[in-house]
Amino acid sequence: MEIYSCVKIINNKYLLDGVKIGDIGYIIESYDNNLYEVEFSDIKTGVSYAQIVVNLDDIEYVSQ
């Protein structure tokens, strides 16, 4: 996946980070070993509530 791609979390692996299944975020960095840094923001306010590194297996691409 590319930077700025819109993605959705497909499991509850990141609950302690404030991110749950179905949350939508944007890839802001790509790392080796299929790891991506994703930022999640409140849709209504635009305020970021989480910025975490996730595995490719934990996200799916969301077309816009």
C-alpha atoms as a PDB file:
ATOM      1  CA  MET A   1       0.000   0.000   0.000  1.00  0.00           C
ATOM      2  CA  GLU A   2       1.039   3.546  -0.597  1.00  0.00           C
ATOM      3  CA  ILE A   3       1.378   6.537   1.716  1.00  0.00           C
ATOM      4  CA  TYR A   4      -1.926   8.447   2.094  1.00  0.00           C
ATOM      5  CA  SER A   5      -3.991   5.355   1.289  1.00  0.00           C
ATOM      6  CA  CYS A   6      -7.221   5.139   3.256  1.00  0.00           C
ATOM      7  CA  VAL A   7      -7.378   1.923   5.290  1.00  0.00           C
ATOM      8  CA  LYS A   8      -9.682   0.175   7.749  1.00  0.00           C
ATOM      9  CA  ILE A   9      -8.666  -1.877  10.805  1.00  0.00           C
ATOM     10  CA  ILE A  10      -9.979  -5.442  10.448  1.00  0.00           C
ATOM     11  CA  ASN A  11      -9.447  -6.738  13.998  1.00  0.00           C
ATOM     12  CA  ASN A  12      -9.394  -5.561  17.617  1.00  0.00           C
ATOM     13  CA  LYS A  13      -5.651  -5.997  18.110  1.00  0.00           C
ATOM     14  CA  TYR A  14      -5.142  -2.277  18.848  1.00  0.00           C
ATOM     15  CA  LEU A  15      -7.855  -1.627  21.440  1.00  0.00           C
ATOM     16  CA  LEU A  16      -5.307  -0.466  24.015  1.00  0.00           C
ATOM     17  CA  ASP A  17      -4.188   2.166  21.509  1.00  0.00           C
ATOM     18  CA  GLY A  18      -7.764   3.447  21.145  1.00  0.00           C
ATOM     19  CA  VAL A  19      -8.382   1.834  17.757  1.00  0.00           C
ATOM     20  CA  LYS A  20     -11.124  -0.747  17.180  1.00  0.00           C
ATOM     21  CA  ILE A  21     -12.279  -2.899  14.299  1.00  0.00           C
ATOM     22  CA  GLY A  22     -13.774  -0.791  11.516  1.00  0.00           C
ATOM     23  CA  ASP A  23     -11.882   2.413  12.353  1.00  0.00           C
ATOM     24  CA  ILE A  24     -10.695   4.315   9.276  1.00  0.00           C
ATOM     25  CA  GLY A  25      -7.273   5.929   9.029  1.00  0.00           C
ATOM     26  CA  TYR A  26      -4.618   7.058   6.577  1.00  0.00           C
ATOM     27  CA  ILE A  27      -1.164   5.594   6.032  1.00  0.00           C
ATOM     28  CA  ILE A  28       1.418   8.263   6.820  1.00  0.00           C
ATOM     29  CA  GLU A  29       4.585   6.136   6.663  1.00  0.00           C
ATOM     30  CA  SER A  30       5.692   2.813   5.245  1.00  0.00           C
ATOM     31  CA  TYR A  31       8.340   0.629   6.907  1.00  0.00           C
ATOM     32  CA  ASP A  32      10.099  -2.652   6.127  1.00  0.00           C
ATOM     33  CA  ASN A  33       8.421  -5.987   6.919  1.00  0.00           C
ATOM     34  CA  ASN A  34       4.919  -4.854   5.829  1.00  0.00           C
ATOM     35  CA  LEU A  35       4.525  -2.343   8.664  1.00  0.00           C
ATOM     36  CA  TYR A  36       2.649   0.916   8.219  1.00  0.00           C
ATOM     37  CA  GLU A  37       2.145   3.944  10.430  1.00  0.00           C
ATOM     38  CA  VAL A  38      -1.518   4.927  10.340  1.00  0.00           C
ATOM     39  CA  GLU A  39      -3.167   8.049  11.723  1.00  0.00           C
ATOM     40  CA  PHE A  40      -6.782   7.931  12.904  1.00  0.00           C
ATOM     41  CA  SER A  41      -8.868  11.095  13.258  1.00  0.00           C
ATOM     42  CA  ASP A  42     -12.370  11.902  14.422  1.00  0.00           C
ATOM     43  CA  ILE A  43     -14.523  12.338  11.309  1.00  0.00           C
ATOM     44  CA  LYS A  44     -16.510  15.235  12.769  1.00  0.00           C
ATOM     45  CA  THR A  45     -13.716  17.277  14.361  1.00  0.00           C
ATOM     46  CA  GLY A  46     -10.642  16.175  12.425  1.00  0.00           C
ATOM     47  CA  VAL A  47      -8.779  15.716  15.703  1.00  0.00           C
ATOM     48  CA  SER A  48      -6.300  12.850  15.656  1.00  0.00           C
ATOM     49  CA  TYR A  49      -6.948  10.230  18.347  1.00  0.00           C
ATOM     50  CA  ALA A  50      -4.325   7.606  17.471  1.00  0.00           C
ATOM     51  CA  GLN A  51      -1.154   7.213  15.461  1.00  0.00           C
ATOM     52  CA  ILE A  52       0.080   3.621  15.480  1.00  0.00           C
ATOM     53  CA  VAL A  53       2.245   1.195  13.539  1.00  0.00           C
ATOM     54  CA  VAL A  54       0.205  -1.715  12.201  1.00  0.00           C
ATOM     55  CA  ASN A  55       0.930  -4.874  10.259  1.00  0.00           C
ATOM     56  CA  LEU A  56      -0.380  -5.220   6.699  1.00  0.00           C
ATOM     57  CA  ASP A  57      -2.457  -8.211   7.874  1.00  0.00           C
ATOM     58  CA  ASP A  58      -4.407  -5.914  10.234  1.00  0.00           C
ATOM     59  CA  ILE A  59      -5.693  -3.437   7.621  1.00  0.00           C
ATOM     60  CA  GLU A  60      -7.558  -3.401   4.344  1.00  0.00           C
ATOM     61  CA  TYR A  61      -7.638  -0.752   1.645  1.00  0.00           C
ATOM     62  CA  VAL A  62     -10.728   1.484   1.508  1.00  0.00           C
ATOM     63  CA  SER A  63     -11.504   3.064  -1.861  1.00  0.00           C
ATOM     64  CA  GLN A  64     -12.803   6.589  -1.850  1.00  0.00           C
END
